[in-house]
Amino acid sequence: MMSIGLSTKKFTVIIEDLVKSKRISYMDAVLHYCETHLLEPDQVTRYIDKSLKEKIQSNAEALNYLPKTSSISGL
């Protein structure tokens, strides 16, 4: 797999900035990053940390792209 020269932390910061500046979902931000840098989405999966993965999942559930996972309030 080809390296894109990023750390997981830097990639997360870039995606967070895209979400805030463009007011788009985390998934859309990842796809936007891939499009602008001529990358396939599978080339960036190694840079998606647990926190970013959870945000992508939450967005996908809110948009009904994924079934909602059960959660326990207070945790």
Protein backbone atom coordinates (compact mmCIF):
# COMPACT_ATOMS: atom_id res chain seq x y z
CA MET A 1 0.00 0.00 0.00
CA MET A 2 1.29 3.42 -0.92
CA SER A 3 1.93 5.88 1.90
CA ILE A 4 0.37 9.34 1.55
CA GLY A 5 2.82 10.96 3.96
CA LEU A 6 0.41 11.66 6.80
CA SER A 7 0.14 10.63 10.40
CA THR A 8 -3.19 9.46 11.77
CA LYS A 9 -3.32 12.57 13.96
CA LYS A 10 -2.69 14.96 11.07
CA PHE A 11 -5.27 13.21 8.90
CA THR A 12 -7.84 13.49 11.70
CA VAL A 13 -7.13 17.22 12.09
CA ILE A 14 -7.53 17.75 8.33
CA ILE A 15 -10.86 15.89 8.32
CA GLU A 16 -12.10 17.78 11.42
CA ASP A 17 -11.22 21.08 9.70
CA LEU A 18 -13.10 20.05 6.55
CA VAL A 19 -16.18 19.09 8.58
CA LYS A 20 -16.21 22.47 10.31
CA SER A 21 -15.27 24.70 7.37
CA LYS A 22 -17.48 23.05 4.75
CA ARG A 23 -20.23 21.93 7.14
CA ILE A 24 -20.23 18.40 5.74
CA SER A 25 -20.37 14.97 7.35
CA TYR A 26 -17.22 13.11 8.34
CA MET A 27 -17.72 10.58 5.55
CA ASP A 28 -18.13 13.37 3.01
CA ALA A 29 -15.00 15.04 4.38
CA VAL A 30 -12.97 11.84 3.92
CA LEU A 31 -14.33 11.42 0.39
CA HIS A 32 -13.64 15.10 -0.39
CA TYR A 33 -10.06 14.67 0.82
CA CYS A 34 -9.67 11.61 -1.38
CA GLU A 35 -11.07 13.40 -4.42
CA THR A 36 -8.87 16.47 -4.02
CA HIS A 37 -5.74 14.36 -3.49
CA LEU A 38 -6.57 11.80 -6.22
CA LEU A 39 -6.74 8.93 -3.74
CA GLU A 40 -9.02 5.95 -3.46
CA PRO A 41 -10.86 5.73 -0.12
CA ASP A 42 -9.15 2.44 0.70
CA GLN A 43 -5.80 4.28 0.62
CA VAL A 44 -6.74 6.37 3.67
CA THR A 45 -8.36 3.73 5.89
CA ARG A 46 -5.11 3.20 7.79
CA TYR A 47 -5.22 6.88 8.88
CA ILE A 48 -8.72 6.70 10.37
CA ASP A 49 -8.37 6.37 14.13
CA LYS A 50 -11.00 5.04 16.55
CA SER A 51 -12.38 8.51 17.33
CA LEU A 52 -12.81 9.42 13.67
CA LYS A 53 -14.32 6.02 12.93
CA GLU A 54 -16.90 6.56 15.69
CA LYS A 55 -17.79 10.00 14.28
CA ILE A 56 -18.20 8.56 10.78
CA GLN A 57 -20.41 5.81 12.20
CA SER A 58 -22.50 8.30 14.20
CA ASN A 59 -23.00 10.49 11.11
CA ALA A 60 -23.94 7.45 9.02
CA GLU A 61 -26.48 6.33 11.62
CA ALA A 62 -27.98 9.83 11.84
CA LEU A 63 -28.36 9.87 8.05
CA ASN A 64 -29.83 6.33 8.11
CA TYR A 65 -26.92 4.95 6.06
CA LEU A 66 -26.29 2.43 8.85
CA PRO A 67 -28.69 0.88 11.35
CA LYS A 68 -28.50 2.60 14.71
CA THR A 69 -26.41 0.88 17.34
CA SER A 70 -27.87 0.58 20.79
CA SER A 71 -26.41 2.85 23.42
CA ILE A 72 -26.69 2.99 27.17
CA SER A 73 -27.42 6.47 28.48
CA GLY A 74 -24.91 7.79 30.96
CA LEU A 75 -21.93 5.99 29.41
